[in-house]
Amino acid sequence: MKTIKLLSVVLLSLFLFTACDDSTDAFESEQSLFEVDNMASKSRIEKSLPLKATFTVWRAEAPGSQPCDVGFSETMMLKGKGEMTHLGKLQELFMRFCSAPTPEVIFPVNYSFIETGKFVAANGDELHCIIESGQIWPYTGDNPKYQLYFNDDILFIGGTGRFKGASGWAKTNAYVHPGTTDNDGEDPFYTDFFINEGELIIIPGSASE
C-alpha cells in the first residue's frame, strides 16, 4: 500500500513538472512571436528614404515687411520652384525667416524660420520644414554669381497627404546671389539650393506613401 502511494506521488510530481515545462515553452514561444511581430510593425511604421533636391528661391516680399523678435533685424519671405526626390517637380515652396548680424561683426549673419516652411509636390501634397538656427557666411568659391553661402540643417516636421507624419533632415547647401536690381530687373536677388545630403522618413500606408 505504501508502495502504491509513493508511486502515485511520483507520477503526480512528474505530471506537474511536465505541465509547467510545457507552459513555460508556450509562454517563451508566444513572447518570441510577439517580439518578431513588434519588430515587423516598427519596420512597417517608418520608411527611411534618401533625399536630394535642386531649387531656386526669390524674394516674395520686400525685406522687413513683417516684424521680428528683439535682436533680429529684418524678415525675409522667399518663394521658388525646383525638384525634390519623392516630391517630383515642385509646384511651390515657401520660407519665411528673420535674420540678424552677429554682434560687433558683419559675419556670420544668424537666421531662423518664423513660420513653418513648405514644399508642395506635383500632386499638391505638402512636406513641411523648419530651420531652427542657421548662419550665412561669405562665399569663398570660384563662381562669380554667388557672394554668400549657408549649409544648415533643415528639419522635416510632417505635412499633408503622403507626407503626413513625415520627419527627417537635409543640409541646405545654398548659394546666394544678392543681385543689383533688388527683386526684379535683369539682375535680381535669388538663392540656389543644391541639397545632396538628406533623409526623409515617411509612414507607409494611411495616406503617407
Protein backbone atom coordinates (compact mmCIF):
# COMPACT_ATOMS: atom_id res chain seq x y z
CA MET A 1 0.00 0.00 0.00
CA LYS A 2 2.84 2.37 0.89
CA THR A 3 4.47 1.49 -2.43
CA ILE A 4 1.30 2.39 -4.36
CA LYS A 5 1.01 5.74 -2.54
CA LEU A 6 4.68 6.54 -3.21
CA LEU A 7 4.26 5.67 -6.88
CA SER A 8 1.19 7.90 -7.10
CA VAL A 9 3.10 10.86 -5.61
CA VAL A 10 5.99 10.36 -8.05
CA LEU A 11 3.62 10.22 -11.05
CA LEU A 12 1.75 13.34 -9.89
CA SER A 13 5.02 15.25 -9.41
CA LEU A 14 6.22 14.21 -12.86
CA PHE A 15 2.90 15.34 -14.43
CA LEU A 16 3.07 18.76 -12.73
CA PHE A 17 6.69 19.29 -13.79
CA THR A 18 5.91 18.38 -17.40
CA ALA A 19 2.86 20.66 -17.49
CA CYS A 20 4.87 23.53 -16.03
CA ASP A 21 7.66 22.98 -18.58
CA ASP A 22 5.16 22.95 -21.46
CA SER A 23 3.57 26.14 -20.15
CA THR A 24 6.98 27.83 -19.95
CA ASP A 25 7.83 26.78 -23.51
CA ALA A 26 4.47 28.06 -24.74
CA PHE A 27 4.98 31.40 -22.97
CA GLU A 28 8.51 31.80 -24.36
CA SER A 29 7.28 30.91 -27.84
CA GLU A 30 4.42 33.41 -27.58
CA GLN A 31 6.81 36.09 -26.29
CA SER A 32 9.22 35.40 -29.18
CA LEU A 33 6.40 35.70 -31.72
CA PHE A 34 5.32 38.97 -30.09
CA GLU A 35 8.83 40.38 -30.37
CA VAL A 36 9.08 39.40 -34.03
CA ASP A 37 5.67 40.90 -34.75
CA ASN A 38 6.61 44.06 -32.88
CA MET A 39 9.81 44.45 -34.94
CA ALA A 40 7.85 43.88 -38.14
CA SER A 41 5.31 46.50 -37.07
CA LYS A 42 8.07 49.04 -36.46
CA SER A 43 9.52 48.38 -39.92
CA ARG A 44 6.07 48.97 -41.41
CA ILE A 45 5.55 52.17 -39.43
CA GLU A 46 8.60 54.07 -40.73
CA LYS A 47 10.34 54.08 -44.08
CA SER A 48 13.65 55.94 -44.49
CA LEU A 49 14.41 57.41 -47.92
CA PRO A 50 17.49 59.30 -49.17
CA LEU A 51 16.63 62.84 -50.21
CA LYS A 52 18.10 65.23 -52.77
CA ALA A 53 16.79 68.47 -54.21
CA THR A 54 17.64 71.34 -56.53
CA PHE A 55 15.61 74.53 -56.37
CA THR A 56 15.82 78.32 -56.54
CA VAL A 57 14.05 80.87 -54.35
CA TRP A 58 13.32 84.56 -54.85
CA ARG A 59 12.01 87.26 -52.54
CA ALA A 60 8.22 87.18 -52.34
CA GLU A 61 8.00 90.49 -50.46
CA ALA A 62 10.28 93.36 -49.53
CA PRO A 63 12.69 92.64 -46.64
CA GLY A 64 11.40 93.86 -43.28
CA SER A 65 7.72 93.69 -44.20
CA GLN A 66 6.98 91.50 -41.14
CA PRO A 67 8.06 92.08 -37.51
CA CYS A 68 10.90 90.09 -35.93
CA ASP A 69 11.84 89.29 -32.35
CA VAL A 70 14.22 91.56 -30.46
CA GLY A 71 17.77 91.15 -31.77
CA PHE A 72 16.74 90.30 -35.32
CA SER A 73 16.91 92.98 -37.97
CA GLU A 74 14.56 92.02 -40.81
CA THR A 75 12.15 89.47 -42.18
CA MET A 76 12.66 87.65 -45.45
CA MET A 77 9.95 85.71 -47.28
CA LEU A 78 11.03 83.50 -50.15
CA LYS A 79 9.16 81.51 -52.79
CA GLY A 80 10.52 79.35 -55.53
CA LYS A 81 10.41 76.23 -57.69
CA GLY A 82 12.56 73.22 -58.44
CA GLU A 83 12.71 69.46 -58.00
CA MET A 84 12.98 67.14 -54.99
CA THR A 85 13.17 63.36 -54.79
CA HIS A 86 9.88 61.77 -53.64
CA LEU A 87 8.04 65.04 -54.48
CA GLY A 88 8.92 65.44 -58.14
CA LYS A 89 8.63 68.86 -59.73
CA LEU A 90 7.74 71.35 -57.01
CA GLN A 91 4.60 73.40 -57.57
CA GLU A 92 5.67 75.86 -54.90
CA LEU A 93 7.92 76.31 -51.90
CA PHE A 94 7.72 78.83 -49.10
CA MET A 95 10.15 80.07 -46.44
CA ARG A 96 9.92 83.00 -44.03
CA PHE A 97 12.71 83.82 -41.60
CA CYS A 98 14.30 86.61 -39.61
CA SER A 99 17.99 87.46 -39.84
CA ALA A 100 20.45 89.42 -37.72
CA PRO A 101 24.19 90.13 -37.96
CA THR A 102 26.39 88.71 -35.23
CA PRO A 103 27.10 91.48 -32.67
CA GLU A 104 30.19 93.58 -33.45
CA VAL A 105 30.99 91.67 -36.67
CA ILE A 106 29.41 91.51 -40.11
CA PHE A 107 29.50 87.72 -40.50
CA PRO A 108 28.07 85.30 -39.81
CA VAL A 109 24.50 86.51 -40.21
CA ASN A 110 22.22 84.49 -37.93
CA TYR A 111 18.75 83.49 -39.08
CA SER A 112 15.82 81.24 -38.14
CA PHE A 113 12.38 80.43 -39.52
CA ILE A 114 9.45 82.33 -38.01
CA GLU A 115 6.85 80.23 -39.86
CA THR A 116 6.75 76.62 -40.95
CA GLY A 117 8.16 76.28 -44.46
CA LYS A 118 6.64 74.01 -47.04
CA PHE A 119 7.48 72.16 -50.24
CA VAL A 120 4.43 71.47 -52.44
CA ALA A 121 4.66 68.33 -54.59
CA ALA A 122 3.32 67.98 -58.09
CA ASN A 123 0.06 66.45 -56.79
CA GLY A 124 -0.43 69.08 -54.07
CA ASP A 125 0.90 67.10 -51.09
CA GLU A 126 2.94 69.30 -48.75
CA LEU A 127 6.17 68.49 -46.91
CA HIS A 128 6.64 70.91 -44.00
CA CYS A 129 10.02 72.06 -42.72
CA ILE A 130 11.82 74.42 -40.37
CA ILE A 131 15.33 75.76 -39.78
CA GLU A 132 15.72 76.43 -36.07
CA SER A 133 19.08 78.18 -36.29
CA GLY A 134 21.34 78.98 -39.21
CA GLN A 135 24.28 81.14 -40.23
CA ILE A 136 25.06 82.87 -43.52
CA TRP A 137 28.72 83.23 -44.49
CA PRO A 138 30.69 84.85 -47.31
CA TYR A 139 31.03 82.59 -50.34
CA THR A 140 34.65 81.55 -50.96
CA GLY A 141 34.25 79.56 -54.18
CA ASP A 142 35.05 80.43 -57.79
CA ASN A 143 31.56 81.06 -59.20
CA PRO A 144 31.16 84.83 -59.68
CA LYS A 145 27.36 84.60 -59.39
CA TYR A 146 27.45 83.91 -55.65
CA GLN A 147 28.50 86.11 -52.76
CA LEU A 148 27.02 84.29 -49.73
CA TYR A 149 26.66 80.67 -48.61
CA PHE A 150 24.91 78.64 -45.89
CA ASN A 151 24.76 74.92 -45.15
CA ASP A 152 22.40 74.41 -42.22
CA ASP A 153 20.07 71.67 -41.03
CA ILE A 154 16.56 71.84 -42.41
CA LEU A 155 14.18 69.62 -40.42
CA PHE A 156 11.07 67.96 -41.85
CA ILE A 157 8.09 68.13 -39.49
CA GLY A 158 5.14 66.43 -41.16
CA GLY A 159 2.89 67.62 -43.92
CA THR A 160 -0.22 66.60 -45.82
CA GLY A 161 -1.17 63.58 -47.93
CA ARG A 162 1.61 61.03 -48.14
CA PHE A 163 3.85 63.27 -46.02
CA LYS A 164 1.54 63.28 -43.01
CA GLY A 165 3.69 62.34 -40.02
CA ALA A 166 6.91 62.62 -42.02
CA SER A 167 10.23 63.55 -40.42
CA GLY A 168 13.88 63.76 -41.40
CA TRP A 169 16.56 66.28 -42.25
CA ALA A 170 18.67 67.76 -45.03
CA LYS A 171 21.65 70.10 -45.46
CA THR A 172 20.69 73.30 -47.28
CA ASN A 173 23.94 73.70 -49.28
CA ALA A 174 22.65 77.08 -50.52
CA TYR A 175 24.34 79.82 -52.56
CA VAL A 176 23.11 83.43 -52.51
CA HIS A 177 23.22 85.90 -55.38
CA PRO A 178 22.30 89.31 -53.87
CA GLY A 179 21.77 90.88 -57.29
CA THR A 180 21.94 94.52 -58.27
CA THR A 181 18.31 95.19 -59.18
CA ASP A 182 16.59 94.06 -55.95
CA ASN A 183 13.79 91.56 -56.72
CA ASP A 184 13.15 92.47 -60.36
CA GLY A 185 15.06 93.61 -63.40
CA GLU A 186 17.92 91.90 -65.16
CA ASP A 187 19.90 91.00 -62.03
CA PRO A 188 17.51 90.14 -59.19
CA PHE A 189 18.22 88.53 -55.82
CA TYR A 190 17.99 84.70 -55.71
CA THR A 191 19.32 81.71 -53.81
CA ASP A 192 20.19 78.34 -55.35
CA PHE A 193 19.86 75.19 -53.21
CA PHE A 194 21.74 72.02 -54.15
CA ILE A 195 20.68 69.53 -51.47
CA ASN A 196 22.69 66.32 -51.77
CA GLU A 197 22.58 65.18 -48.13
CA GLY A 198 19.29 64.29 -46.50
CA GLU A 199 16.87 61.68 -45.21
CA LEU A 200 13.09 61.64 -45.46
CA ILE A 201 11.22 59.33 -43.08
CA ILE A 202 7.62 58.61 -44.05
CA ILE A 203 4.86 56.39 -42.71
CA PRO A 204 3.78 53.84 -45.34
CA GLY A 205 0.05 53.49 -45.86
CA SER A 206 -2.60 55.66 -44.26
CA ALA A 207 -2.13 58.45 -46.83
CA SER A 208 1.61 58.69 -46.14
CA GLU A 209 3.23 56.83 -49.03
